[in-house]
Amino acid sequence: MARPPRLAFPDIALHVRQRGVNREHCFHADNDRLVYLSRLCELVVATGCKLHAYCLMTNHVHLLLTPKDAPTLASLMRDLGRHYVPYFNRRYGRTGTLWEGRFRSCLVDSPRYVLGCYRYIESNPLRAGMVPEASAYAWSSYAGNVGTRCDPLLTPHVEYDALAEDTPARRLAYRRLFDRPEDPELWRALREATYGGYALVGESLHSRLVVAGHRVERQKPGPKPALHDAGPPAQVELFAGGLGG
């Protein structure tokens, strides 16, 4: 069966996750992560993609970025792998693929989903029990987004810019997002949408995607409900007013 086309839309951010084959480590040393980030930086500039957040774990990677289109994203990830995988194989005396199939991704739009995805990505080491707080992990974008480190890879998303009127206030508002309780429903929605290639978007973009003929949410098994009985699926609802609850 042919794989469904990757869902992407011009100037809409995507959460991207790529995991090591058999969940094996894809980074063993700091230098591995430096090589990966160096090439990622080059490709972000070359392709015109905007990288908003990232986290390099031991056996997988999370990125939040806005590509110009789906081919641009595919090209960036392909070229990143073509550079990093041979390096990794040479260094550790291995052969073959490093990644578990093709990377997973989902569209994210609206304050809840974009800012939630920022936080989901940068909280990954904290949730894994690797560090006591997000600021203690060196291989994520957290320090760049709160302003304790200059990170040339990063371009703020418009929802990040909307947190406040100037840069110091934005950084403070962003840091305070991490003081709020976790949102298990949002974390679950991000995992499921990313794995399935669906969209976490507001009502306006959802309507545009449907009109364009895209399948934007998971299809439930069994007969479809009558149109007047069908409610909006959880992963495409618009949550106004930021990250509540």
Protein backbone atom coordinates (compact mmCIF):
# COMPACT_ATOMS: atom_id res chain seq x y z
CA MET A 1 0.00 0.00 0.00
CA ALA A 2 1.35 3.44 -0.93
CA ARG A 3 2.20 5.73 1.96
CA PRO A 4 -0.13 8.72 2.36
CA PRO A 5 1.40 12.04 1.35
CA ARG A 6 2.91 14.03 4.18
CA LEU A 7 0.54 16.75 5.36
CA ALA A 8 2.14 20.19 5.10
CA PHE A 9 0.81 23.66 4.42
CA PRO A 10 2.71 26.84 3.47
CA ASP A 11 3.95 28.81 6.50
CA ILE A 12 2.37 26.43 9.04
CA ALA A 13 4.63 24.87 11.67
CA LEU A 14 5.22 21.13 11.96
CA HIS A 15 6.22 18.99 14.89
CA VAL A 16 8.78 16.47 13.60
CA ARG A 17 9.97 13.39 15.47
CA GLN A 18 12.63 10.96 14.25
CA ARG A 19 13.66 7.91 16.27
CA GLY A 20 16.60 5.53 16.10
CA VAL A 21 16.00 2.10 14.56
CA ASN A 22 14.85 -0.42 17.20
CA ARG A 23 14.95 2.54 19.59
CA GLU A 24 18.74 2.35 19.63
CA HIS A 25 20.84 5.38 20.47
CA CYS A 26 21.46 7.86 17.66
CA PHE A 27 23.75 10.00 19.84
CA HIS A 28 26.47 8.60 22.10
CA ALA A 29 28.61 11.67 22.77
CA ASP A 30 28.41 15.45 22.81
CA ASN A 31 30.33 15.62 19.55
CA ASP A 32 27.59 13.59 17.84
CA ARG A 33 25.03 16.20 18.80
CA LEU A 34 27.34 19.01 17.70
CA VAL A 35 27.74 17.41 14.26
CA TYR A 36 23.96 16.99 13.96
CA LEU A 37 23.19 20.57 15.00
CA SER A 38 25.90 22.03 12.78
CA ARG A 39 24.45 20.36 9.70
CA LEU A 40 20.90 21.24 10.78
CA CYS A 41 21.92 24.89 11.03
CA GLU A 42 23.37 24.81 7.51
CA LEU A 43 20.25 23.20 6.08
CA VAL A 44 17.84 25.57 7.84
CA VAL A 45 19.64 28.47 6.17
CA ALA A 46 19.91 26.73 2.77
CA THR A 47 16.24 25.69 2.61
CA GLY A 48 14.70 28.78 4.18
CA CYS A 49 13.04 26.72 6.91
CA LYS A 50 12.44 28.38 10.28
CA LEU A 51 13.42 26.30 13.31
CA HIS A 52 11.55 27.26 16.49
CA ALA A 53 12.42 24.50 18.97
CA TYR A 54 14.39 21.27 19.15
CA CYS A 55 15.54 18.56 21.54
CA LEU A 56 18.15 15.88 20.90
CA MET A 57 17.45 12.91 23.16
CA THR A 58 19.56 9.74 23.26
CA ASN A 59 17.50 7.76 20.75
CA HIS A 60 15.25 10.31 19.07
CA VAL A 61 14.95 13.92 17.94
CA HIS A 62 12.14 16.48 18.19
CA LEU A 63 11.95 19.56 15.96
CA LEU A 64 9.39 22.34 15.63
CA LEU A 65 9.90 24.10 12.33
CA THR A 66 8.10 25.94 9.57
CA PRO A 67 9.11 24.87 6.06
CA LYS A 68 8.02 26.57 2.87
CA ASP A 69 6.31 23.35 1.74
CA ALA A 70 6.36 19.57 2.15
CA PRO A 71 9.18 18.98 -0.40
CA THR A 72 11.38 21.45 1.48
CA LEU A 73 10.88 19.58 4.75
CA ALA A 74 11.56 16.22 3.09
CA SER A 75 14.70 17.63 1.46
CA LEU A 76 16.00 19.02 4.75
CA MET A 77 15.48 15.74 6.62
CA ARG A 78 16.95 13.68 3.76
CA ASP A 79 20.10 15.81 3.51
CA LEU A 80 20.48 15.87 7.28
CA GLY A 81 20.43 12.07 7.31
CA ARG A 82 22.82 11.78 4.38
CA HIS A 83 25.36 13.81 6.33
CA TYR A 84 24.81 12.50 9.85
CA VAL A 85 24.27 8.77 9.32
CA PRO A 86 27.59 8.12 7.49
CA TYR A 87 29.39 10.13 10.19
CA PHE A 88 27.73 8.10 12.94
CA ASN A 89 28.40 4.76 11.20
CA ARG A 90 32.07 5.55 10.63
CA ARG A 91 32.59 6.70 14.19
CA TYR A 92 30.96 3.66 15.79
CA GLY A 93 31.88 0.97 13.26
CA ARG A 94 28.36 0.16 12.20
CA THR A 95 26.51 -0.13 8.89
CA GLY A 96 22.98 0.31 7.64
CA THR A 97 20.16 2.60 8.55
CA LEU A 98 20.15 4.65 11.73
CA TRP A 99 16.54 5.84 11.70
CA GLU A 100 13.32 3.94 12.27
CA GLY A 101 11.63 4.40 8.89
CA ARG A 102 10.66 7.85 7.72
CA PHE A 103 10.29 10.70 10.16
CA ARG A 104 6.89 11.46 11.71
CA SER A 105 5.26 14.88 11.62
CA CYS A 106 2.07 16.80 12.28
CA LEU A 107 0.85 20.32 11.55
CA VAL A 108 0.47 22.60 14.58
CA ASP A 109 -1.43 25.88 14.53
CA SER A 110 -3.08 28.17 17.13
CA PRO A 111 -1.55 29.39 20.43
CA ARG A 112 -2.43 26.25 22.38
CA TYR A 113 -0.83 23.86 19.97
CA VAL A 114 2.21 25.86 18.89
CA LEU A 115 3.23 26.97 22.39
CA GLY A 116 2.24 23.57 23.75
CA CYS A 117 4.53 21.94 21.20
CA TYR A 118 7.40 24.23 22.21
CA ARG A 119 6.93 23.13 25.78
CA TYR A 120 6.36 19.47 24.91
CA ILE A 121 9.67 19.35 23.02
CA GLU A 122 11.79 21.18 25.57
CA SER A 123 10.26 19.28 28.52
CA ASN A 124 11.18 15.91 27.00
CA PRO A 125 14.33 15.38 29.11
CA LEU A 126 12.39 16.40 32.22
CA ARG A 127 9.59 13.91 31.52
CA ALA A 128 12.21 11.22 30.89
CA GLY A 129 13.74 11.83 34.32
CA MET A 130 17.09 12.88 32.84
CA VAL A 131 17.18 16.32 34.47
CA PRO A 132 15.35 18.08 37.34
CA GLU A 133 14.27 21.01 35.13
CA ALA A 134 14.29 21.95 31.45
CA SER A 135 17.12 24.45 31.92
CA ALA A 136 19.48 21.67 33.02
CA TYR A 137 19.50 19.95 29.63
CA ALA A 138 22.16 21.26 27.24
CA TRP A 139 20.81 19.78 24.01
CA SER A 140 17.50 21.53 23.59
CA SER A 141 16.40 24.98 22.48
CA TYR A 142 15.14 25.93 25.95
CA ALA A 143 18.12 28.15 26.82
CA GLY A 144 17.83 29.96 23.50
CA ASN A 145 14.11 30.57 23.88
CA VAL A 146 14.40 31.92 27.43
CA GLY A 147 17.43 34.05 26.52
CA THR A 148 20.15 32.47 28.67
CA ARG A 149 22.08 31.40 25.55
CA CYS A 150 22.41 32.82 22.04
CA ASP A 151 21.16 30.10 19.68
CA PRO A 152 21.63 30.94 15.98
CA LEU A 153 19.44 28.02 14.90
CA LEU A 154 16.26 29.58 16.25
CA THR A 155 13.64 31.82 14.65
CA PRO A 156 10.71 32.75 16.91
CA HIS A 157 7.28 31.58 15.79
CA VAL A 158 4.60 34.26 15.57
CA GLU A 159 2.84 32.72 18.58
CA TYR A 160 6.05 33.08 20.59
CA ASP A 161 6.35 36.73 19.48
CA ALA A 162 2.75 37.29 20.55
CA LEU A 163 3.59 36.43 24.17
CA ALA A 164 4.66 40.03 24.85
CA GLU A 165 5.60 43.31 23.17
CA ASP A 166 9.39 43.13 23.56
CA THR A 167 12.08 40.46 23.70
CA PRO A 168 12.81 40.48 27.48
CA ALA A 169 9.10 40.26 28.29
CA ARG A 170 8.60 37.46 25.76
CA ARG A 171 11.42 35.45 27.27
CA LEU A 172 10.00 35.89 30.75
CA ALA A 173 6.48 34.94 29.61
CA TYR A 174 7.87 31.89 27.85
CA ARG A 175 9.82 30.80 30.94
CA ARG A 176 6.64 31.08 32.99
CA LEU A 177 4.86 28.62 30.69
CA PHE A 178 7.05 25.92 32.23
CA ASP A 179 5.75 26.76 35.71
CA ARG A 180 2.26 25.64 34.76
CA PRO A 181 1.04 22.08 35.39
CA GLU A 182 1.53 19.68 32.51
CA ASP A 183 -1.39 19.11 30.15
CA PRO A 184 -1.69 15.31 29.68
CA GLU A 185 -4.48 15.71 27.12
CA LEU A 186 -2.34 17.97 24.97
CA TRP A 187 0.72 15.70 25.31
CA ARG A 188 -1.39 12.72 24.20
CA ALA A 189 -2.82 14.65 21.26
CA LEU A 190 0.66 15.70 20.11
CA ARG A 191 1.98 12.14 20.28
CA GLU A 192 -0.98 10.66 18.43
CA ALA A 193 -1.12 13.35 15.74
CA THR A 194 2.61 13.17 15.14
CA TYR A 195 2.58 9.39 14.86
CA GLY A 196 -0.44 9.42 12.56
CA GLY A 197 0.53 12.45 10.48
CA TYR A 198 -2.61 14.40 11.35
CA ALA A 199 -3.17 18.06 12.19
CA LEU A 200 -3.52 19.97 15.43
CA VAL A 201 -5.00 23.17 14.08
CA GLY A 202 -7.66 25.78 14.68
CA GLU A 203 -11.03 25.86 12.97
CA SER A 204 -10.04 28.24 10.17
CA LEU A 205 -7.07 26.21 8.96
CA HIS A 206 -8.97 22.98 9.48
CA SER A 207 -11.64 24.19 7.05
CA ARG A 208 -9.01 25.21 4.50
CA LEU A 209 -7.32 21.82 4.69
CA VAL A 210 -10.61 19.98 4.26
CA VAL A 211 -11.57 22.14 1.26
CA ALA A 212 -8.16 21.38 -0.26
CA GLY A 213 -8.93 17.67 0.03
CA HIS A 214 -6.57 16.76 2.88
CA ARG A 215 -7.42 14.10 5.46
CA VAL A 216 -6.63 16.00 8.63
CA GLU A 217 -7.69 13.69 11.44
CA ARG A 218 -7.69 10.02 12.33
CA GLN A 219 -10.61 8.12 10.86
CA LYS A 220 -12.51 6.17 13.50
CA PRO A 221 -13.45 2.58 12.64
CA GLY A 222 -17.05 1.67 11.93
CA PRO A 223 -19.84 3.54 10.14
CA LYS A 224 -19.52 7.28 9.94
CA PRO A 225 -22.06 9.30 11.94
CA ALA A 226 -24.66 11.42 10.21
CA LEU A 227 -23.37 14.88 9.41
CA HIS A 228 -25.64 16.63 11.90
CA ASP A 229 -24.42 14.33 14.69
CA ALA A 230 -20.72 14.73 14.06
CA GLY A 231 -18.86 16.93 16.49
CA PRO A 232 -15.43 18.47 15.89
CA PRO A 233 -12.58 15.99 16.52
CA ALA A 234 -10.49 16.71 19.61
CA GLN A 235 -7.25 17.26 17.75
CA VAL A 236 -8.57 20.04 15.53
CA GLU A 237 -10.43 22.19 18.02
CA LEU A 238 -9.39 25.81 18.43
CA PHE A 239 -8.46 26.68 22.00
CA ALA A 240 -8.52 30.46 22.28
CA GLY A 241 -6.64 32.40 24.89
CA GLY A 242 -3.35 30.54 24.96
CA LEU A 243 -2.46 27.47 26.96
CA GLY A 244 -5.26 27.17 29.49
CA GLY A 245 -5.95 24.14 31.63
